[in-house]
Amino acid sequence: QVQLVESGGGLVQAGGSLRLSCAASGRTFSSYAMAWFRQPPGKEREFVAAMSGSGINTYYVDSVRGRFTISRDNAKNTVYLQMNHLTPDDTAVYYCAAGLKIRVGVKDYDYWGQGTQVTVSS
């Protein structure tokens, strides 16, 4: 079992930055690929970024590539999402997820956090 707790969301103006954190329980954190998803108001949950357990491989959705950076600290059992140049379209509840491999589907991840709200004002 892996428990995930996100933090770092909030209200920010367009062009600003936020860093989300996701703290994981358990001793096998480094064996899991970690991902960030988001769910905009009234829309389906969508993939944002993922990183392999080793931290070597990453993958981003096109809309955030170059603006968002996923990273992890396996010693701290934590994954991060640095978000720069935010726009109102980035407004969503952001979730972290753990799975066996880097995938982009919601169903591909076994464990989920409760989500943290990110609101970007214009």
N, C-alpha and C. Protein backbone atom coordinates (compact mmCIF):
# COMPACT_ATOMS: atom_id res chain seq x y z
N GLN A 1 0.84 -1.19 0.00
CA GLN A 1 0.00 0.00 0.00
C GLN A 1 0.87 1.25 0.00
N VAL A 2 0.46 2.22 -0.76
CA VAL A 2 1.14 3.50 -0.81
C VAL A 2 0.09 4.58 -0.54
N GLN A 3 0.39 5.45 0.38
CA GLN A 3 -0.49 6.59 0.63
C GLN A 3 0.20 7.86 0.15
N LEU A 4 -0.56 8.69 -0.52
CA LEU A 4 -0.01 9.89 -1.14
C LEU A 4 -0.75 11.12 -0.61
N VAL A 5 0.02 12.15 -0.28
CA VAL A 5 -0.57 13.39 0.21
C VAL A 5 0.05 14.57 -0.54
N GLU A 6 -0.79 15.28 -1.28
CA GLU A 6 -0.32 16.44 -2.02
C GLU A 6 -0.39 17.71 -1.18
N SER A 7 0.45 18.66 -1.53
CA SER A 7 0.42 19.98 -0.91
C SER A 7 1.00 20.99 -1.88
N GLY A 8 0.80 22.27 -1.58
CA GLY A 8 1.42 23.32 -2.37
C GLY A 8 0.50 24.05 -3.32
N GLY A 9 -0.74 23.62 -3.41
CA GLY A 9 -1.66 24.32 -4.29
C GLY A 9 -2.03 25.69 -3.73
N GLY A 10 -2.74 26.45 -4.54
CA GLY A 10 -3.16 27.77 -4.10
C GLY A 10 -3.61 28.64 -5.24
N LEU A 11 -3.74 29.93 -4.95
CA LEU A 11 -4.16 30.91 -5.94
C LEU A 11 -2.93 31.70 -6.40
N VAL A 12 -2.77 31.82 -7.71
CA VAL A 12 -1.63 32.53 -8.26
C VAL A 12 -2.08 33.30 -9.49
N GLN A 13 -1.43 34.40 -9.76
CA GLN A 13 -1.75 35.18 -10.96
C GLN A 13 -1.11 34.54 -12.19
N ALA A 14 -1.71 34.79 -13.32
CA ALA A 14 -1.15 34.31 -14.58
C ALA A 14 0.30 34.77 -14.72
N GLY A 15 1.15 33.86 -15.18
CA GLY A 15 2.57 34.15 -15.29
C GLY A 15 3.37 33.73 -14.07
N GLY A 16 2.68 33.43 -13.00
CA GLY A 16 3.34 33.05 -11.77
C GLY A 16 3.74 31.59 -11.73
N SER A 17 4.25 31.19 -10.56
CA SER A 17 4.76 29.84 -10.38
C SER A 17 4.22 29.24 -9.08
N LEU A 18 4.16 27.93 -9.07
CA LEU A 18 3.84 27.15 -7.87
C LEU A 18 4.65 25.87 -7.92
N ARG A 19 4.93 25.34 -6.74
CA ARG A 19 5.54 24.02 -6.67
C ARG A 19 4.66 23.12 -5.82
N LEU A 20 4.22 22.05 -6.44
CA LEU A 20 3.43 21.05 -5.74
C LEU A 20 4.35 19.96 -5.19
N SER A 21 3.97 19.42 -4.05
CA SER A 21 4.69 18.30 -3.46
C SER A 21 3.72 17.16 -3.22
N CYS A 22 4.25 15.97 -3.26
CA CYS A 22 3.45 14.78 -2.97
C CYS A 22 4.31 13.85 -2.11
N ALA A 23 3.92 13.71 -0.87
CA ALA A 23 4.65 12.86 0.06
C ALA A 23 4.03 11.47 0.07
N ALA A 24 4.88 10.46 -0.03
CA ALA A 24 4.41 9.08 -0.09
C ALA A 24 4.84 8.30 1.15
N SER A 25 3.99 7.40 1.57
CA SER A 25 4.33 6.49 2.65
C SER A 25 4.93 5.23 2.05
N GLY A 26 5.51 4.41 2.88
CA GLY A 26 5.99 3.12 2.41
C GLY A 26 7.47 3.11 2.09
N ARG A 27 8.03 1.91 2.07
CA ARG A 27 9.47 1.75 1.88
C ARG A 27 9.87 1.53 0.44
N THR A 28 8.90 1.38 -0.45
CA THR A 28 9.21 1.01 -1.83
C THR A 28 8.96 2.14 -2.80
N PHE A 29 9.05 3.36 -2.31
CA PHE A 29 8.74 4.53 -3.15
C PHE A 29 9.55 4.52 -4.44
N SER A 30 10.81 4.19 -4.36
CA SER A 30 11.68 4.27 -5.55
C SER A 30 11.32 3.23 -6.61
N SER A 31 10.50 2.27 -6.27
CA SER A 31 10.10 1.27 -7.26
C SER A 31 8.90 1.70 -8.08
N TYR A 32 8.30 2.82 -7.71
CA TYR A 32 7.10 3.28 -8.40
C TYR A 32 7.40 4.43 -9.35
N ALA A 33 6.79 4.35 -10.52
CA ALA A 33 6.70 5.53 -11.37
C ALA A 33 5.70 6.47 -10.72
N MET A 34 6.00 7.74 -10.75
CA MET A 34 5.11 8.74 -10.15
C MET A 34 4.62 9.69 -11.23
N ALA A 35 3.38 10.08 -11.10
CA ALA A 35 2.79 10.96 -12.11
C ALA A 35 1.96 12.05 -11.45
N TRP A 36 1.75 13.09 -12.21
CA TRP A 36 0.81 14.14 -11.86
C TRP A 36 -0.30 14.17 -12.91
N PHE A 37 -1.50 14.23 -12.43
CA PHE A 37 -2.68 14.42 -13.26
C PHE A 37 -3.39 15.68 -12.78
N ARG A 38 -4.31 16.17 -13.59
CA ARG A 38 -5.13 17.30 -13.15
C ARG A 38 -6.55 17.15 -13.69
N GLN A 39 -7.46 17.76 -12.98
CA GLN A 39 -8.86 17.72 -13.40
C GLN A 39 -9.41 19.14 -13.39
N PRO A 40 -9.51 19.75 -14.57
CA PRO A 40 -10.09 21.10 -14.64
C PRO A 40 -11.57 21.07 -14.31
N PRO A 41 -12.15 22.18 -13.94
CA PRO A 41 -13.58 22.21 -13.60
C PRO A 41 -14.44 21.68 -14.74
N GLY A 42 -15.29 20.73 -14.45
CA GLY A 42 -16.21 20.19 -15.44
C GLY A 42 -15.60 19.30 -16.49
N LYS A 43 -14.33 18.92 -16.31
CA LYS A 43 -13.66 18.10 -17.32
C LYS A 43 -13.13 16.81 -16.71
N GLU A 44 -12.66 15.93 -17.59
CA GLU A 44 -12.09 14.67 -17.16
C GLU A 44 -10.68 14.88 -16.59
N ARG A 45 -10.28 13.95 -15.76
CA ARG A 45 -8.91 13.97 -15.25
C ARG A 45 -7.95 13.69 -16.40
N GLU A 46 -6.86 14.45 -16.46
CA GLU A 46 -5.92 14.32 -17.56
C GLU A 46 -4.48 14.22 -17.08
N PHE A 47 -3.69 13.53 -17.85
CA PHE A 47 -2.28 13.34 -17.54
C PHE A 47 -1.52 14.65 -17.71
N VAL A 48 -0.55 14.87 -16.81
CA VAL A 48 0.30 16.06 -16.89
C VAL A 48 1.77 15.68 -17.10
N ALA A 49 2.29 14.85 -16.20
CA ALA A 49 3.71 14.51 -16.25
C ALA A 49 3.95 13.24 -15.45
N ALA A 50 5.03 12.55 -15.78
CA ALA A 50 5.39 11.34 -15.05
C ALA A 50 6.89 11.17 -15.03
N MET A 51 7.35 10.43 -14.03
CA MET A 51 8.78 10.17 -13.88
C MET A 51 8.96 8.73 -13.42
N SER A 52 9.97 8.07 -13.95
CA SER A 52 10.26 6.71 -13.56
C SER A 52 10.77 6.65 -12.12
N GLY A 53 10.81 5.44 -11.58
CA GLY A 53 11.25 5.28 -10.20
C GLY A 53 12.67 5.77 -9.96
N SER A 54 13.52 5.56 -10.94
CA SER A 54 14.91 5.99 -10.83
C SER A 54 15.08 7.48 -11.03
N GLY A 55 14.09 8.10 -11.64
CA GLY A 55 14.19 9.53 -11.95
C GLY A 55 14.83 9.81 -13.29
N ILE A 56 15.21 8.77 -14.01
CA ILE A 56 15.92 8.97 -15.27
C ILE A 56 14.97 9.38 -16.39
N ASN A 57 13.82 8.75 -16.43
CA ASN A 57 12.88 8.99 -17.52
C ASN A 57 11.72 9.87 -17.08
N THR A 58 11.38 10.80 -17.96
CA THR A 58 10.23 11.68 -17.70
C THR A 58 9.39 11.78 -18.97
N TYR A 59 8.16 12.19 -18.78
CA TYR A 59 7.26 12.37 -19.91
C TYR A 59 6.26 13.46 -19.54
N TYR A 60 5.97 14.33 -20.49
CA TYR A 60 5.06 15.45 -20.25
C TYR A 60 4.00 15.52 -21.34
N VAL A 61 2.84 16.01 -20.97
CA VAL A 61 1.86 16.34 -21.98
C VAL A 61 2.34 17.60 -22.69
N ASP A 62 2.00 17.73 -23.96
CA ASP A 62 2.53 18.84 -24.76
C ASP A 62 2.21 20.21 -24.17
N SER A 63 1.06 20.34 -23.57
CA SER A 63 0.61 21.65 -23.11
C SER A 63 1.43 22.20 -21.94
N VAL A 64 2.19 21.34 -21.26
CA VAL A 64 2.99 21.81 -20.13
C VAL A 64 4.48 21.67 -20.36
N ARG A 65 4.86 20.98 -21.41
CA ARG A 65 6.29 20.76 -21.66
C ARG A 65 7.00 22.11 -21.81
N GLY A 66 8.11 22.25 -21.09
CA GLY A 66 8.84 23.51 -21.11
C GLY A 66 8.42 24.48 -20.03
N ARG A 67 7.25 24.25 -19.43
CA ARG A 67 6.79 25.11 -18.33
C ARG A 67 6.78 24.37 -16.99
N PHE A 68 6.46 23.09 -17.01
CA PHE A 68 6.38 22.29 -15.79
C PHE A 68 7.57 21.33 -15.74
N THR A 69 8.03 21.05 -14.53
CA THR A 69 9.10 20.09 -14.33
C THR A 69 8.74 19.15 -13.19
N ILE A 70 8.78 17.87 -13.48
CA ILE A 70 8.57 16.86 -12.46
C ILE A 70 9.92 16.41 -11.93
N SER A 71 10.00 16.21 -10.63
CA SER A 71 11.23 15.71 -10.02
C SER A 71 10.85 14.87 -8.80
N ARG A 72 11.81 14.14 -8.29
CA ARG A 72 11.55 13.33 -7.11
C ARG A 72 12.79 13.24 -6.27
N ASP A 73 12.57 13.03 -4.98
CA ASP A 73 13.64 12.79 -4.02
C ASP A 73 13.29 11.48 -3.33
N ASN A 74 13.93 10.42 -3.77
CA ASN A 74 13.59 9.11 -3.22
C ASN A 74 13.99 8.98 -1.75
N ALA A 75 14.95 9.74 -1.32
CA ALA A 75 15.33 9.70 0.10
C ALA A 75 14.25 10.30 0.98
N LYS A 76 13.46 11.19 0.40
CA LYS A 76 12.39 11.84 1.15
C LYS A 76 11.01 11.30 0.78
N ASN A 77 10.97 10.32 -0.11
CA ASN A 77 9.69 9.76 -0.55
C ASN A 77 8.75 10.85 -1.07
N THR A 78 9.29 11.74 -1.86
CA THR A 78 8.51 12.88 -2.31
C THR A 78 8.72 13.12 -3.80
N VAL A 79 7.63 13.47 -4.47
CA VAL A 79 7.68 13.89 -5.86
C VAL A 79 7.17 15.32 -5.93
N TYR A 80 7.73 16.07 -6.87
CA TYR A 80 7.41 17.49 -6.99
C TYR A 80 6.92 17.81 -8.40
N LEU A 81 6.19 18.88 -8.50
CA LEU A 81 5.83 19.43 -9.80
C LEU A 81 6.05 20.93 -9.73
N GLN A 82 7.11 21.39 -10.38
CA GLN A 82 7.38 22.82 -10.47
C GLN A 82 6.62 23.36 -11.68
N MET A 83 5.77 24.34 -11.43
CA MET A 83 4.92 24.88 -12.49
C MET A 83 5.25 26.37 -12.67
N ASN A 84 5.73 26.70 -13.85
CA ASN A 84 6.10 28.09 -14.18
C ASN A 84 5.21 28.60 -15.31
N HIS A 85 5.19 29.91 -15.45
CA HIS A 85 4.41 30.55 -16.52
C HIS A 85 2.98 30.04 -16.56
N LEU A 86 2.37 30.02 -15.42
CA LEU A 86 1.01 29.48 -15.31
C LEU A 86 0.01 30.35 -16.05
N THR A 87 -1.00 29.71 -16.59
CA THR A 87 -2.09 30.39 -17.28
C THR A 87 -3.41 29.94 -16.66
N PRO A 88 -4.48 30.68 -16.91
CA PRO A 88 -5.78 30.26 -16.38
C PRO A 88 -6.18 28.85 -16.82
N ASP A 89 -5.69 28.40 -17.96
CA ASP A 89 -6.00 27.04 -18.42
C ASP A 89 -5.38 25.97 -17.54
N ASP A 90 -4.45 26.35 -16.69
CA ASP A 90 -3.84 25.39 -15.78
C ASP A 90 -4.67 25.20 -14.50
N THR A 91 -5.72 25.96 -14.36
CA THR A 91 -6.59 25.84 -13.19
C THR A 91 -7.21 24.45 -13.13
N ALA A 92 -7.02 23.77 -12.02
CA ALA A 92 -7.50 22.39 -11.87
C ALA A 92 -7.18 21.89 -10.47
N VAL A 93 -7.76 20.76 -10.15
CA VAL A 93 -7.30 20.00 -8.99
C VAL A 93 -6.19 19.08 -9.48
N TYR A 94 -5.06 19.15 -8.83
CA TYR A 94 -3.89 18.37 -9.23
C TYR A 94 -3.74 17.16 -8.30
N TYR A 95 -3.53 16.01 -8.92
CA TYR A 95 -3.39 14.76 -8.18
C TYR A 95 -2.04 14.12 -8.49
N CYS A 96 -1.44 13.53 -7.49
CA CYS A 96 -0.29 12.68 -7.77
C CYS A 96 -0.75 11.22 -7.73
N ALA A 97 -0.01 10.39 -8.43
CA ALA A 97 -0.38 8.99 -8.56
C ALA A 97 0.88 8.14 -8.65
N ALA A 98 0.76 6.90 -8.19
CA ALA A 98 1.87 5.95 -8.23
C ALA A 98 1.45 4.73 -9.03
N GLY A 99 2.38 4.27 -9.86
CA GLY A 99 2.12 3.08 -10.67
C GLY A 99 3.41 2.36 -10.98
N LEU A 100 3.28 1.26 -11.71
CA LEU A 100 4.45 0.43 -11.99
C LEU A 100 5.30 0.99 -13.13
N LYS A 101 4.68 1.67 -14.08
CA LYS A 101 5.42 2.19 -15.22
C LYS A 101 4.88 3.56 -15.60
N ILE A 102 5.68 4.29 -16.35
CA ILE A 102 5.20 5.57 -16.88
C ILE A 102 4.12 5.29 -17.92
N ARG A 103 2.93 5.75 -17.60
CA ARG A 103 1.81 5.64 -18.52
C ARG A 103 1.01 6.94 -18.45
N VAL A 104 0.12 7.14 -19.39
CA VAL A 104 -0.65 8.39 -19.40
C VAL A 104 -2.11 8.20 -19.03
N GLY A 105 -2.52 6.98 -18.78
CA GLY A 105 -3.91 6.70 -18.48
C GLY A 105 -4.21 6.70 -16.99
N VAL A 106 -5.37 7.21 -16.65
CA VAL A 106 -5.79 7.20 -15.25
C VAL A 106 -5.82 5.77 -14.71
N LYS A 107 -6.26 4.84 -15.52
CA LYS A 107 -6.40 3.46 -15.07
C LYS A 107 -5.06 2.76 -14.88
N ASP A 108 -3.99 3.37 -15.33
CA ASP A 108 -2.66 2.75 -15.24
C ASP A 108 -1.99 2.97 -13.90
N TYR A 109 -2.60 3.75 -13.03
CA TYR A 109 -2.00 4.06 -11.73
C TYR A 109 -2.84 3.48 -10.61
N ASP A 110 -2.15 2.94 -9.64
CA ASP A 110 -2.81 2.17 -8.59
C ASP A 110 -3.15 3.00 -7.35
N TYR A 111 -2.37 4.02 -7.11
CA TYR A 111 -2.54 4.79 -5.88
C TYR A 111 -2.65 6.27 -6.23
N TRP A 112 -3.52 6.95 -5.48
CA TRP A 112 -3.81 8.35 -5.75
C TRP A 112 -3.85 9.16 -4.46
N GLY A 113 -3.44 10.40 -4.58
CA GLY A 113 -3.63 11.34 -3.49
C GLY A 113 -5.01 11.96 -3.53
N GLN A 114 -5.27 12.84 -2.59
CA GLN A 114 -6.59 13.43 -2.47
C GLN A 114 -6.75 14.67 -3.35
N GLY A 115 -5.66 15.18 -3.86
CA GLY A 115 -5.71 16.34 -4.75
C GLY A 115 -5.45 17.65 -4.05
N THR A 116 -4.93 18.60 -4.80
CA THR A 116 -4.72 19.95 -4.29
C THR A 116 -5.15 20.94 -5.37
N GLN A 117 -5.86 21.98 -4.96
CA GLN A 117 -6.43 22.93 -5.90
C GLN A 117 -5.40 23.95 -6.34
N VAL A 118 -5.32 24.15 -7.64
CA VAL A 118 -4.50 25.22 -8.21
C VAL A 118 -5.43 26.13 -9.00
N THR A 119 -5.43 27.40 -8.66
CA THR A 119 -6.26 28.37 -9.35
C THR A 119 -5.37 29.49 -9.88
N VAL A 120 -5.47 29.73 -11.18
CA VAL A 120 -4.66 30.77 -11.82
C VAL A 120 -5.60 31.87 -12.29
N SER A 121 -5.41 33.04 -11.77
CA SER A 121 -6.27 34.18 -12.14
C SER A 121 -5.66 34.96 -13.29
N SER A 122 -6.54 35.52 -14.10
CA SER A 122 -6.05 36.27 -15.29
C SER A 122 -5.79 37.73 -14.94
